[in-house]
Structures are given as structure tokens and as C-alpha cells.
Amino acid sequence: LGEGLRYVRRTPAIAACLAMAAAAGMLFNLGTALPVLATRTFGFGGAGYGALMASFGIGAIPGGFAAAYSKGSSIGRKVRVLCLLTGIAVVATAAAPGGVVAFPLLMLCGFLSIWMIALANTLVQLRPDPNLRGRIMGLWTMALPGLSPITGVLVGAATQFVGPREGFGLAGIALAATAVSGWRALAD
């Protein structure tokens, strides 16, 4: 673990992707802020909330295909732009004036976020020395799904104490911040 952490510290592109993965965990934990946003802000019931969740999933499908067909050696540049665009789309969804606008914005969030996280995962898997790949992927797993108990509490607290829009938008702010902070590291 120590050797993997030292390698990440010496490899800024991988460190930036790990930070983006942790921020993406805030978004991918949709069950924390989205139900409150759907019911209290947009006035939906269970069916409307389910439709919002489905919108994210519908957008994620072409996002996966976009990642699979991404070509070129500039994966880092794509990741940083996609991360920033995902953050903007999440904030726009949080600020949506109504549910009708939120549906296509959540589709866009699904599309961009899945494309971004798949490319970031690819970068993190392909860049390390082969003898460190398992350790680095262990850190990836700790960053994305492993931090959900922490990021979920942060989003939940923001949702409860500040508001549903702010709680949902927190993921967008975190994604945009990690994109900006890792911009130079992901210049390829």
C-alpha cells in the first residue's frame, strides 16, 4: 500500500484521476440527494424520482459507448474536460427550474460522468508500472466506491442542513474543482 501511495504521489495524472473518482462517488451515490431534490424541489412522487434515476441511466449507456470508442493518446485531456463538463452539468441539474428541465440534464450527467469515469479508469490502469497496477487499482477502488460512506454523509448533510439543490450540486462543485486542480497533471 505504501509503495502504491508513493507511486501515486510521483504520478500527478493518476493522483488527479483518484481525486476525480472520489468526487464522482458523490454523484454516483444518487440515492442520497436526488430523492430529496425530486420530492421537495421538483414536487415528484416515487414515479418521478424513478424517472429521474432512469434518465441518468439512459444517458450513461451512450456514455459507455463513447468511452469505448474514444481514440487517441490524449486520454488525460479528455478526462479533465469531461470531468469539468460533468461538474457543470450536475450544478445545472441542481439549479434546474423544474423537473422537466432536470430530465435531460440528468441524461447529460449520466452521459458525461460515465464517459469520464471510464476513461479515467483506463488511464489509471494503463499508466502504472505493471508490477504496481494491482496496488494502484486498489487505491482506485478505495477512491470511487470505497469513499461512499464519507461522501454520502457529506452530500446528505449538505442536503439536510443547506438544501436539496446544494446537496446535489455539491458533487458538481467537487467534480469541477478536481478537474481544475488536476488540469495541468492531465495535459498528457
Protein backbone atom coordinates (compact mmCIF):
# COMPACT_ATOMS: atom_id res chain seq x y z
CA LEU A 1 0.00 0.00 0.00
CA GLY A 2 2.81 2.39 0.91
CA GLU A 3 4.60 1.72 -2.36
CA GLY A 4 1.36 2.34 -4.28
CA LEU A 5 0.77 5.63 -2.45
CA ARG A 6 4.35 6.75 -3.14
CA TYR A 7 3.87 5.94 -6.82
CA VAL A 8 0.64 7.96 -6.95
CA ARG A 9 2.40 10.89 -5.29
CA ARG A 10 5.08 10.75 -8.01
CA THR A 11 2.47 10.40 -10.80
CA PRO A 12 0.26 13.50 -10.82
CA ALA A 13 -2.06 12.23 -13.59
CA ILE A 14 -3.03 9.19 -11.52
CA ALA A 15 -3.41 11.31 -8.38
CA ALA A 16 -5.74 13.65 -10.28
CA CYS A 17 -7.83 10.71 -11.51
CA LEU A 18 -8.12 9.33 -7.98
CA ALA A 19 -9.38 12.72 -6.75
CA MET A 20 -11.90 12.79 -9.62
CA ALA A 21 -13.04 9.28 -8.71
CA ALA A 22 -13.68 10.34 -5.11
CA ALA A 23 -15.66 13.36 -6.34
CA ALA A 24 -17.59 11.19 -8.80
CA GLY A 25 -18.60 8.99 -5.89
CA MET A 26 -20.67 11.91 -4.64
CA LEU A 27 -22.63 11.90 -7.89
CA PHE A 28 -22.87 8.13 -8.29
CA ASN A 29 -24.44 7.88 -4.84
CA LEU A 30 -27.66 9.23 -6.39
CA GLY A 31 -29.81 7.79 -3.64
CA THR A 32 -28.61 10.43 -1.18
CA ALA A 33 -29.61 13.82 -2.61
CA LEU A 34 -31.69 13.01 -5.68
CA PRO A 35 -34.76 11.68 -3.81
CA VAL A 36 -34.96 14.89 -1.79
CA LEU A 37 -34.38 17.03 -4.88
CA ALA A 38 -37.10 15.09 -6.73
CA THR A 39 -39.71 15.26 -3.97
CA ARG A 40 -39.10 18.56 -2.19
CA THR A 41 -37.79 20.72 -5.01
CA PHE A 42 -39.46 19.32 -8.12
CA GLY A 43 -42.61 18.03 -6.39
CA PHE A 44 -42.38 14.49 -7.78
CA GLY A 45 -43.54 11.31 -6.16
CA GLY A 46 -41.93 7.92 -6.43
CA ALA A 47 -42.60 7.60 -10.14
CA GLY A 48 -40.99 10.95 -10.89
CA TYR A 49 -37.97 10.06 -8.80
CA GLY A 50 -37.69 6.74 -10.63
CA ALA A 51 -37.91 8.53 -13.96
CA LEU A 52 -35.09 10.89 -12.91
CA MET A 53 -32.94 7.89 -11.97
CA ALA A 54 -33.78 6.27 -15.30
CA SER A 55 -32.78 9.46 -17.12
CA PHE A 56 -29.30 9.22 -15.62
CA GLY A 57 -29.08 5.58 -16.69
CA ILE A 58 -30.34 6.29 -20.20
CA GLY A 59 -27.61 8.90 -20.61
CA ALA A 60 -24.99 6.54 -19.19
CA ILE A 61 -25.48 3.99 -21.97
CA PRO A 62 -24.16 6.17 -24.82
CA GLY A 63 -21.53 7.49 -22.39
CA GLY A 64 -20.17 3.97 -22.09
CA PHE A 65 -20.10 3.61 -25.86
CA ALA A 66 -18.35 6.98 -26.19
CA ALA A 67 -15.68 5.78 -23.78
CA ALA A 68 -15.27 2.51 -25.65
CA TYR A 69 -14.75 4.31 -28.94
CA SER A 70 -12.53 7.12 -27.64
CA LYS A 71 -9.36 7.11 -29.68
CA GLY A 72 -6.06 8.85 -29.42
CA SER A 73 -3.37 9.18 -26.85
CA SER A 74 -4.79 12.25 -25.13
CA ILE A 75 -6.89 10.36 -22.57
CA GLY A 76 -5.82 12.75 -19.82
CA ARG A 77 -7.02 15.79 -21.76
CA LYS A 78 -10.36 14.13 -22.41
CA VAL A 79 -10.73 13.15 -18.75
CA ARG A 80 -10.13 16.67 -17.47
CA VAL A 81 -12.58 18.25 -19.95
CA LEU A 82 -15.22 15.59 -19.31
CA CYS A 83 -14.82 15.99 -15.55
CA LEU A 84 -15.30 19.74 -15.80
CA LEU A 85 -18.32 19.34 -18.11
CA THR A 86 -19.82 16.75 -15.75
CA GLY A 87 -19.44 19.17 -12.85
CA ILE A 88 -21.16 21.91 -14.82
CA ALA A 89 -24.00 19.56 -15.83
CA VAL A 90 -24.53 18.48 -12.21
CA VAL A 91 -24.67 22.08 -10.99
CA ALA A 92 -27.07 22.92 -13.84
CA THR A 93 -29.28 20.00 -12.81
CA ALA A 94 -29.28 21.20 -9.20
CA ALA A 95 -30.28 24.67 -10.39
CA ALA A 96 -32.95 23.43 -12.84
CA PRO A 97 -36.16 25.46 -12.53
CA GLY A 98 -38.29 22.33 -12.70
CA GLY A 99 -38.36 18.61 -13.23
CA VAL A 100 -38.97 18.90 -16.97
CA VAL A 101 -35.57 20.58 -17.35
CA ALA A 102 -33.94 18.17 -14.88
CA PHE A 103 -34.69 15.09 -17.02
CA PRO A 104 -32.46 15.98 -20.00
CA LEU A 105 -29.84 17.45 -17.68
CA LEU A 106 -29.65 14.18 -15.73
CA MET A 107 -29.29 12.33 -19.02
CA LEU A 108 -26.37 14.62 -19.81
CA CYS A 109 -24.91 13.95 -16.34
CA GLY A 110 -25.12 10.21 -16.95
CA PHE A 111 -23.55 10.51 -20.39
CA LEU A 112 -20.64 12.72 -19.35
CA SER A 113 -19.92 11.09 -15.99
CA ILE A 114 -19.76 7.54 -17.30
CA TRP A 115 -17.60 8.59 -20.25
CA MET A 116 -15.29 10.48 -17.88
CA ILE A 117 -15.01 7.77 -15.23
CA ALA A 118 -14.41 5.02 -17.79
CA LEU A 119 -11.57 6.99 -19.40
CA ALA A 120 -10.11 7.89 -16.00
CA ASN A 121 -10.23 4.21 -15.04
CA THR A 122 -8.47 3.35 -18.29
CA LEU A 123 -5.74 5.90 -17.61
CA VAL A 124 -5.25 4.62 -14.07
CA GLN A 125 -4.99 1.03 -15.31
CA LEU A 126 -2.65 1.66 -18.24
CA ARG A 127 -0.18 4.24 -16.88
CA PRO A 128 1.34 2.47 -13.85
CA ASP A 129 4.24 0.10 -13.97
CA PRO A 130 2.77 -3.40 -14.41
CA ASN A 131 4.15 -4.56 -11.05
CA LEU A 132 2.19 -1.76 -9.31
CA ARG A 133 -1.07 -1.99 -11.27
CA GLY A 134 -2.88 -4.06 -8.64
CA ARG A 135 -1.94 -1.67 -5.85
CA ILE A 136 -2.98 1.36 -7.88
CA MET A 137 -6.31 -0.26 -8.76
CA GLY A 138 -6.79 -0.99 -5.07
CA LEU A 139 -6.42 2.73 -4.44
CA TRP A 140 -8.91 3.41 -7.27
CA THR A 141 -11.40 1.12 -5.58
CA MET A 142 -10.84 2.92 -2.29
CA ALA A 143 -11.38 6.28 -4.01
CA LEU A 144 -14.56 5.62 -6.01
CA PRO A 145 -16.83 3.18 -4.21
CA GLY A 146 -14.75 2.96 -1.04
CA LEU A 147 -15.27 6.58 0.00
CA SER A 148 -19.05 6.41 -0.47
CA PRO A 149 -19.71 6.23 3.28
CA ILE A 150 -17.85 9.53 3.68
CA THR A 151 -19.02 11.31 0.52
CA GLY A 152 -22.57 10.10 1.08
CA VAL A 153 -22.58 11.66 4.56
CA LEU A 154 -21.21 14.93 3.16
CA VAL A 155 -23.90 15.08 0.47
CA GLY A 156 -26.58 14.02 2.96
CA ALA A 157 -25.53 16.68 5.45
CA ALA A 158 -25.49 19.39 2.78
CA THR A 159 -28.92 18.23 1.60
CA GLN A 160 -30.39 18.22 5.10
CA PHE A 161 -28.83 21.35 6.54
CA VAL A 162 -28.43 23.59 3.47
CA GLY A 163 -30.91 22.32 0.90
CA PRO A 164 -31.58 19.70 -1.79
CA ARG A 165 -30.17 21.81 -4.62
CA GLU A 166 -26.98 22.48 -2.70
CA GLY A 167 -26.64 18.84 -1.64
CA PHE A 168 -26.98 17.58 -5.20
CA GLY A 169 -24.84 20.40 -6.58
CA LEU A 170 -22.02 19.60 -4.14
CA ALA A 171 -20.95 16.73 -6.38
CA GLY A 172 -20.76 19.10 -9.34
CA ILE A 173 -18.64 21.57 -7.42
CA ALA A 174 -16.32 18.77 -6.29
CA LEU A 175 -16.00 17.43 -9.84
CA ALA A 176 -15.27 20.88 -11.29
CA ALA A 177 -12.74 21.56 -8.52
CA THR A 178 -10.88 18.30 -9.15
CA ALA A 179 -10.88 18.98 -12.90
CA VAL A 180 -9.34 22.41 -12.36
CA SER A 181 -6.83 21.20 -9.76
CA GLY A 182 -5.73 18.31 -11.98
CA TRP A 183 -5.79 20.27 -15.25
CA ARG A 184 -2.02 20.52 -15.66
CA ALA A 185 -1.39 16.95 -14.49
CA LEU A 186 -3.72 15.61 -17.18
CA ALA A 187 -2.17 17.60 -20.04
CA ASP A 188 -0.63 14.38 -21.47
